[in-house]
PDB file of N, CA and C in Angstrom:
ATOM      1  N   MET A   1      19.093 -49.978 148.505  1.00  0.00           N
ATOM      2  CA  MET A   1      17.931 -49.789 147.667  1.00  0.00           C
ATOM      3  C   MET A   1      18.605 -49.431 146.497  1.00  0.00           C
ATOM      4  N   LEU A   2      19.015 -48.090 146.428  1.00  0.00           N
ATOM      5  CA  LEU A   2      19.850 -47.733 145.413  1.00  0.00           C
ATOM      6  C   LEU A   2      20.698 -48.190 144.910  1.00  0.00           C
ATOM      7  N   PRO A   3      21.231 -48.522 143.874  1.00  0.00           N
ATOM      8  CA  PRO A   3      22.479 -48.853 142.961  1.00  0.00           C
ATOM      9  C   PRO A   3      23.818 -48.061 143.360  1.00  0.00           C
ATOM     10  N   TYR A   4      23.798 -46.748 143.995  1.00  0.00           N
ATOM     11  CA  TYR A   4      24.767 -46.249 144.219  1.00  0.00           C
ATOM     12  C   TYR A   4      24.447 -44.549 144.814  1.00  0.00           C
ATOM     13  N   HIS A   5      25.075 -44.123 145.603  1.00  0.00           N
ATOM     14  CA  HIS A   5      25.024 -42.646 145.960  1.00  0.00           C
ATOM     15  C   HIS A   5      24.920 -41.618 144.656  1.00  0.00           C
ATOM     16  N   TYR A   6      23.816 -41.018 144.563  1.00  0.00           N
ATOM     17  CA  TYR A   6      23.529 -39.887 143.539  1.00  0.00           C
ATOM     18  C   TYR A   6      24.039 -38.699 143.780  1.00  0.00           C
ATOM     19  N   SER A   7      24.640 -38.432 144.985  1.00  0.00           N
ATOM     20  CA  SER A   7      25.201 -37.340 144.933  1.00  0.00           C
ATOM     21  C   SER A   7      26.752 -37.373 144.845  1.00  0.00           C
ATOM     22  N   LEU A   8      27.234 -38.694 144.907  1.00  0.00           N
ATOM     23  CA  LEU A   8      28.398 -38.753 143.971  1.00  0.00           C
ATOM     24  C   LEU A   8      28.669 -37.751 142.467  1.00  0.00           C
ATOM     25  N   THR A   9      27.697 -38.323 141.653  1.00  0.00           N
ATOM     26  CA  THR A   9      27.369 -38.040 140.626  1.00  0.00           C
ATOM     27  C   THR A   9      26.787 -36.505 140.173  1.00  0.00           C
ATOM     28  N   GLY A  10      26.384 -36.243 141.642  1.00  0.00           N
ATOM     29  CA  GLY A  10      25.693 -34.778 141.102  1.00  0.00           C
ATOM     30  C   GLY A  10      24.530 -34.577 140.541  1.00  0.00           C
ATOM     31  N   GLN A  11      23.536 -35.763 140.780  1.00  0.00           N
ATOM     32  CA  GLN A  11      22.522 -36.132 140.521  1.00  0.00           C
ATOM     33  C   GLN A  11      21.586 -36.059 141.636  1.00  0.00           C
ATOM     34  N   LYS A  12      20.282 -35.757 141.255  1.00  0.00           N
ATOM     35  CA  LYS A  12      19.506 -36.082 142.633  1.00  0.00           C
ATOM     36  C   LYS A  12      19.222 -37.332 142.923  1.00  0.00           C
ATOM     37  N   GLU A  13      18.587 -37.431 143.902  1.00  0.00           N
ATOM     38  CA  GLU A  13      18.393 -39.048 144.396  1.00  0.00           C
ATOM     39  C   GLU A  13      17.118 -39.051 143.593  1.00  0.00           C
ATOM     40  N   PRO A  14      16.457 -40.569 143.075  1.00  0.00           N
ATOM     41  CA  PRO A  14      15.185 -40.797 142.382  1.00  0.00           C
ATOM     42  C   PRO A  14      14.232 -40.451 143.574  1.00  0.00           C
ATOM     43  N   VAL A  15      12.890 -39.935 143.380  1.00  0.00           N
ATOM     44  CA  VAL A  15      11.843 -40.201 144.382  1.00  0.00           C
ATOM     45  C   VAL A  15      11.401 -41.631 143.915  1.00  0.00           C
ATOM     46  N   LEU A  16      11.362 -41.817 145.349  1.00  0.00           N
ATOM     47  CA  LEU A  16      10.300 -43.081 145.791  1.00  0.00           C
ATOM     48  C   LEU A  16       8.664 -43.217 146.088  1.00  0.00           C
ATOM     49  N   TYR A  17       8.063 -43.443 145.244  1.00  0.00           N
ATOM     50  CA  TYR A  17       6.771 -43.698 145.467  1.00  0.00           C
ATOM     51  C   TYR A  17       6.106 -44.842 146.375  1.00  0.00           C
ATOM     52  N   VAL A  18       5.010 -44.921 146.773  1.00  0.00           N
ATOM     53  CA  VAL A  18       4.471 -46.051 146.925  1.00  0.00           C
ATOM     54  C   VAL A  18       2.598 -46.317 146.399  1.00  0.00           C
ATOM     55  N   GLY A  19       2.434 -46.972 146.018  1.00  0.00           N
ATOM     56  CA  GLY A  19       1.779 -47.337 145.323  1.00  0.00           C
ATOM     57  C   GLY A  19       1.261 -49.305 144.993  1.00  0.00           C
ATOM     58  N   LYS A  20       0.738 -49.486 144.303  1.00  0.00           N
ATOM     59  CA  LYS A  20      -0.124 -50.359 143.382  1.00  0.00           C
ATOM     60  C   LYS A  20       1.338 -51.292 142.922  1.00  0.00           C
ATOM     61  N   LYS A  21       2.479 -51.195 142.535  1.00  0.00           N
ATOM     62  CA  LYS A  21       3.787 -51.384 142.279  1.00  0.00           C
ATOM     63  C   LYS A  21       4.613 -51.765 143.026  1.00  0.00           C
ATOM     64  N   SER A  22       4.399 -51.110 143.857  1.00  0.00           N
ATOM     65  CA  SER A  22       5.328 -51.005 145.264  1.00  0.00           C
ATOM     66  C   SER A  22       5.568 -52.772 146.037  1.00  0.00           C
ATOM     67  N   GLY A  23       6.699 -53.021 146.182  1.00  0.00           N
ATOM     68  CA  GLY A  23       7.366 -54.361 147.147  1.00  0.00           C
ATOM     69  C   GLY A  23       7.489 -53.905 148.593  1.00  0.00           C
ATOM     70  N   LYS A  24       8.163 -54.896 149.116  1.00  0.00           N
ATOM     71  CA  LYS A  24       8.505 -54.441 150.191  1.00  0.00           C
ATOM     72  C   LYS A  24       9.579 -53.796 150.660  1.00  0.00           C
ATOM     73  N   ASP A  25      10.278 -53.998 149.366  1.00  0.00           N
ATOM     74  CA  ASP A  25      11.705 -53.221 149.681  1.00  0.00           C
ATOM     75  C   ASP A  25      10.907 -51.295 149.929  1.00  0.00           C
ATOM     76  N   ASN A  26      10.012 -50.999 149.111  1.00  0.00           N
ATOM     77  CA  ASN A  26       9.404 -49.583 149.015  1.00  0.00           C
ATOM     78  C   ASN A  26       9.015 -49.881 150.429  1.00  0.00           C
ATOM     79  N   ILE A  27       7.940 -50.411 150.473  1.00  0.00           N
ATOM     80  CA  ILE A  27       7.480 -50.662 152.373  1.00  0.00           C
ATOM     81  C   ILE A  27       8.193 -49.986 153.257  1.00  0.00           C
ATOM     82  N   ARG A  28       9.338 -50.719 153.547  1.00  0.00           N
ATOM     83  CA  ARG A  28      10.635 -50.658 154.146  1.00  0.00           C
ATOM     84  C   ARG A  28      11.095 -49.491 154.139  1.00  0.00           C
ATOM     85  N   TYR A  29      11.429 -48.991 153.028  1.00  0.00           N
ATOM     86  CA  TYR A  29      11.987 -47.497 152.945  1.00  0.00           C
ATOM     87  C   TYR A  29      11.014 -46.619 153.284  1.00  0.00           C
ATOM     88  N   TRP A  30       9.768 -46.695 153.069  1.00  0.00           N
ATOM     89  CA  TRP A  30       8.718 -45.545 153.780  1.00  0.00           C
ATOM     90  C   TRP A  30       9.052 -45.758 154.820  1.00  0.00           C
ATOM     91  N   LEU A  31       8.730 -46.581 155.288  1.00  0.00           N
ATOM     92  CA  LEU A  31       8.686 -46.914 156.895  1.00  0.00           C
ATOM     93  C   LEU A  31       9.542 -46.031 157.944  1.00  0.00           C
ATOM     94  N   GLU A  32      11.005 -46.648 157.084  1.00  0.00           N
ATOM     95  CA  GLU A  32      12.439 -45.470 157.143  1.00  0.00           C
ATOM     96  C   GLU A  32      12.066 -44.231 157.186  1.00  0.00           C
ATOM     97  N   LYS A  33      11.723 -44.166 156.175  1.00  0.00           N
ATOM     98  CA  LYS A  33      11.519 -42.648 155.897  1.00  0.00           C
ATOM     99  C   LYS A  33      10.477 -41.495 156.407  1.00  0.00           C
ATOM    100  N   THR A  34       9.527 -42.820 157.240  1.00  0.00           N
ATOM    101  CA  THR A  34       8.483 -41.647 158.065  1.00  0.00           C
ATOM    102  C   THR A  34       8.550 -41.663 159.272  1.00  0.00           C
ATOM    103  N   GLY A  35       9.578 -42.882 159.468  1.00  0.00           N
ATOM    104  CA  GLY A  35      10.066 -43.003 161.297  1.00  0.00           C
ATOM    105  C   GLY A  35       9.175 -43.680 161.967  1.00  0.00           C
ATOM    106  N   LEU A  36       8.443 -44.995 160.731  1.00  0.00           N
ATOM    107  CA  LEU A  36       7.710 -45.723 161.546  1.00  0.00           C
ATOM    108  C   LEU A  36       8.317 -47.117 161.504  1.00  0.00           C
ATOM    109  N   SER A  37       7.810 -48.109 162.426  1.00  0.00           N
ATOM    110  CA  SER A  37       7.742 -49.366 162.187  1.00  0.00           C
ATOM    111  C   SER A  37       6.800 -50.184 162.470  1.00  0.00           C
ATOM    112  N   ILE A  38       6.398 -51.475 162.228  1.00  0.00           N
ATOM    113  CA  ILE A  38       5.726 -52.283 162.398  1.00  0.00           C
ATOM    114  C   ILE A  38       6.396 -53.566 162.528  1.00  0.00           C
ATOM    115  N   PRO A  39       5.811 -54.905 163.185  1.00  0.00           N
ATOM    116  CA  PRO A  39       6.345 -56.342 163.129  1.00  0.00           C
ATOM    117  C   PRO A  39       6.567 -56.767 161.392  1.00  0.00           C
ATOM    118  N   GLU A  40       7.696 -57.183 161.066  1.00  0.00           N
ATOM    119  CA  GLU A  40       8.214 -57.493 160.098  1.00  0.00           C
ATOM    120  C   GLU A  40       6.960 -58.815 159.770  1.00  0.00           C
ATOM    121  N   ASP A  41       5.897 -59.203 160.330  1.00  0.00           N
ATOM    122  CA  ASP A  41       5.251 -60.051 159.730  1.00  0.00           C
ATOM    123  C   ASP A  41       3.891 -59.436 159.362  1.00  0.00           C
ATOM    124  N   ARG A  42       4.079 -57.916 160.043  1.00  0.00           N
ATOM    125  CA  ARG A  42       3.169 -57.549 158.996  1.00  0.00           C
ATOM    126  C   ARG A  42       2.913 -56.709 157.968  1.00  0.00           C
ATOM    127  N   GLU A  43       4.353 -56.731 157.549  1.00  0.00           N
ATOM    128  CA  GLU A  43       4.735 -56.089 156.233  1.00  0.00           C
ATOM    129  C   GLU A  43       3.613 -56.469 155.280  1.00  0.00           C
ATOM    130  N   ARG A  44       3.670 -57.522 155.030  1.00  0.00           N
ATOM    131  CA  ARG A  44       2.773 -58.049 153.645  1.00  0.00           C
ATOM    132  C   ARG A  44       1.695 -57.627 153.962  1.00  0.00           C
ATOM    133  N   ASN A  45       1.058 -58.054 155.187  1.00  0.00           N
ATOM    134  CA  ASN A  45      -0.572 -57.218 155.348  1.00  0.00           C
ATOM    135  C   ASN A  45      -0.661 -55.704 154.800  1.00  0.00           C
ATOM    136  N   LEU A  46       0.143 -54.594 155.431  1.00  0.00           N
ATOM    137  CA  LEU A  46       0.896 -53.838 154.907  1.00  0.00           C
ATOM    138  C   LEU A  46       0.504 -53.196 153.247  1.00  0.00           C
ATOM    139  N   LEU A  47       1.623 -54.085 152.609  1.00  0.00           N
ATOM    140  CA  LEU A  47       2.274 -54.090 151.489  1.00  0.00           C
ATOM    141  C   LEU A  47       0.100 -54.113 150.610  1.00  0.00           C
ATOM    142  N   GLU A  48       0.017 -55.156 151.036  1.00  0.00           N
ATOM    143  CA  GLU A  48      -1.936 -55.568 150.596  1.00  0.00           C
ATOM    144  C   GLU A  48      -2.776 -54.307 150.486  1.00  0.00           C
ATOM    145  N   LEU A  49      -2.573 -53.603 151.978  1.00  0.00           N
ATOM    146  CA  LEU A  49      -3.048 -52.623 152.078  1.00  0.00           C
ATOM    147  C   LEU A  49      -2.755 -51.041 151.225  1.00  0.00           C
ATOM    148  N   VAL A  50      -1.689 -51.222 151.409  1.00  0.00           N
ATOM    149  CA  VAL A  50      -1.156 -50.098 150.192  1.00  0.00           C
ATOM    150  C   VAL A  50      -1.463 -50.167 148.581  1.00  0.00           C
ATOM    151  N   LYS A  51      -1.242 -51.468 148.386  1.00  0.00           N
ATOM    152  CA  LYS A  51      -2.188 -51.558 147.052  1.00  0.00           C
ATOM    153  C   LYS A  51      -3.277 -51.636 146.516  1.00  0.00           C
ATOM    154  N   ALA A  52      -4.305 -52.200 147.726  1.00  0.00           N
ATOM    155  CA  ALA A  52      -5.655 -52.090 147.001  1.00  0.00           C
ATOM    156  C   ALA A  52      -6.046 -50.899 147.610  1.00  0.00           C
ATOM    157  N   LEU A  53      -5.571 -49.688 148.401  1.00  0.00           N
ATOM    158  CA  LEU A  53      -6.069 -48.318 148.270  1.00  0.00           C
ATOM    159  C   LEU A  53      -5.357 -47.615 147.193  1.00  0.00           C
ATOM    160  N   SER A  54      -4.139 -47.915 146.443  1.00  0.00           N
ATOM    161  CA  SER A  54      -3.507 -47.706 145.547  1.00  0.00           C
ATOM    162  C   SER A  54      -4.630 -47.567 144.124  1.00  0.00           C
ATOM    163  N   ILE A  55      -4.851 -49.136 143.837  1.00  0.00           N
ATOM    164  CA  ILE A  55      -5.874 -49.216 142.643  1.00  0.00           C
ATOM    165  C   ILE A  55      -6.928 -48.561 142.881  1.00  0.00           C
ATOM    166  N   GLU A  56      -7.523 -48.429 144.281  1.00  0.00           N
ATOM    167  CA  GLU A  56      -8.710 -48.003 144.487  1.00  0.00           C
ATOM    168  C   GLU A  56      -9.312 -46.082 144.174  1.00  0.00           C
ATOM    169  N   LEU A  57      -7.935 -45.726 144.730  1.00  0.00           N
ATOM    170  CA  LEU A  57      -7.671 -44.023 144.248  1.00  0.00           C
ATOM    171  C   LEU A  57      -7.281 -43.767 142.836  1.00  0.00           C
ATOM    172  N   LYS A  58      -6.670 -45.183 142.223  1.00  0.00           N
ATOM    173  CA  LYS A  58      -6.273 -44.829 141.241  1.00  0.00           C
ATOM    174  C   LYS A  58      -5.199 -44.011 140.819  1.00  0.00           C
ATOM    175  N   ARG A  59      -4.326 -43.974 142.128  1.00  0.00           N
ATOM    176  CA  ARG A  59      -2.637 -43.094 142.429  1.00  0.00           C
ATOM    177  C   ARG A  59      -1.933 -43.642 143.079  1.00  0.00           C
ATOM    178  N   ASP A  60      -0.734 -42.813 143.129  1.00  0.00           N
ATOM    179  CA  ASP A  60      -0.096 -43.314 143.878  1.00  0.00           C
ATOM    180  C   ASP A  60      -0.440 -42.817 145.667  1.00  0.00           C
ATOM    181  N   LEU A  61       0.101 -43.507 146.790  1.00  0.00           N
ATOM    182  CA  LEU A  61      -0.237 -42.850 148.141  1.00  0.00           C
ATOM    183  C   LEU A  61       0.667 -41.197 148.194  1.00  0.00           C
ATOM    184  N   ASN A  62       0.213 -40.671 149.685  1.00  0.00           N
ATOM    185  CA  ASN A  62       0.937 -39.643 150.063  1.00  0.00           C
ATOM    186  C   ASN A  62       0.903 -40.141 151.526  1.00  0.00           C
ATOM    187  N   GLU A  63       2.183 -39.573 151.908  1.00  0.00           N
ATOM    188  CA  GLU A  63       2.887 -40.027 153.102  1.00  0.00           C
ATOM    189  C   GLU A  63       1.530 -39.724 154.380  1.00  0.00           C
ATOM    190  N   GLN A  64       0.265 -38.864 154.453  1.00  0.00           N
ATOM    191  CA  GLN A  64      -0.825 -39.301 155.392  1.00  0.00           C
ATOM    192  C   GLN A  64      -1.397 -40.553 155.180  1.00  0.00           C
ATOM    193  N   GLU A  65      -1.676 -40.722 154.136  1.00  0.00           N
ATOM    194  CA  GLU A  65      -2.279 -42.234 153.726  1.00  0.00           C
ATOM    195  C   GLU A  65      -1.637 -43.457 154.325  1.00  0.00           C
ATOM    196  N   PHE A  66      -0.135 -43.163 153.636  1.00  0.00           N
ATOM    197  CA  PHE A  66       0.591 -44.149 154.245  1.00  0.00           C
ATOM    198  C   PHE A  66       0.538 -44.827 155.591  1.00  0.00           C
ATOM    199  N   ARG A  67       0.646 -43.394 156.330  1.00  0.00           N
ATOM    200  CA  ARG A  67       0.487 -43.479 158.126  1.00  0.00           C
ATOM    201  C   ARG A  67      -0.826 -44.022 158.443  1.00  0.00           C
ATOM    202  N   VAL A  68      -1.671 -43.760 157.726  1.00  0.00           N
ATOM    203  CA  VAL A  68      -2.718 -44.271 158.073  1.00  0.00           C
ATOM    204  C   VAL A  68      -2.817 -46.066 158.263  1.00  0.00           C
ATOM    205  N   LEU A  69      -2.445 -46.522 156.586  1.00  0.00           N
ATOM    206  CA  LEU A  69      -2.327 -47.488 156.451  1.00  0.00           C
ATOM    207  C   LEU A  69      -1.430 -48.219 157.726  1.00  0.00           C
ATOM    208  N   VAL A  70      -0.711 -48.075 157.831  1.00  0.00           N
ATOM    209  CA  VAL A  70       0.467 -48.718 159.120  1.00  0.00           C
ATOM    210  C   VAL A  70      -0.168 -48.612 160.228  1.00  0.00           C
ATOM    211  N   ALA A  71      -0.880 -47.672 160.893  1.00  0.00           N
ATOM    212  CA  ALA A  71      -1.423 -47.722 162.004  1.00  0.00           C
ATOM    213  C   ALA A  71      -2.881 -48.575 161.712  1.00  0.00           C
ATOM    214  N   LYS A  72      -3.528 -49.522 160.547  1.00  0.00           N
ATOM    215  CA  LYS A  72      -4.414 -50.190 160.270  1.00  0.00           C
ATOM    216  C   LYS A  72      -3.508 -51.590 160.622  1.00  0.00           C
ATOM    217  N   ALA A  73      -2.674 -51.372 159.803  1.00  0.00           N
ATOM    218  CA  ALA A  73      -2.006 -52.993 159.578  1.00  0.00           C
ATOM    219  C   ALA A  73      -0.739 -53.191 160.828  1.00  0.00           C
ATOM    220  N   ALA A  74      -0.697 -52.158 161.800  1.00  0.00           N
ATOM    221  CA  ALA A  74      -0.505 -52.863 163.307  1.00  0.00           C
ATOM    222  C   ALA A  74      -1.475 -52.946 164.320  1.00  0.00           C
ATOM    223  N   ALA A  75      -2.456 -52.833 163.976  1.00  0.00           N
ATOM    224  CA  ALA A  75      -3.429 -53.379 164.672  1.00  0.00           C
ATOM    225  C   ALA A  75      -3.997 -54.361 164.785  1.00  0.00           C
ATOM    226  N   ASN A  76      -3.915 -54.599 163.098  1.00  0.00           N
ATOM    227  CA  ASN A  76      -4.604 -56.200 162.966  1.00  0.00           C
ATOM    228  C   ASN A  76      -3.387 -57.152 163.090  1.00  0.00           C
TER     229      ASN A  76
END
């Protein structure tokens, strides 16, 4: 997802947030980061849940909130 290895340039890797401006790649990145998985056909539902909660809270989501939404999306 990132254009190159930041460690090669001595730079820190950028922080990727999950929120109202997230896309499918952000969702996949966060699933991998948290060690969670859901069926590919549920990713769109998870993305919609992430955006809705982020808009409601008026901020990006934290890992705990993301985990709750993953469980909710997987159950639907």
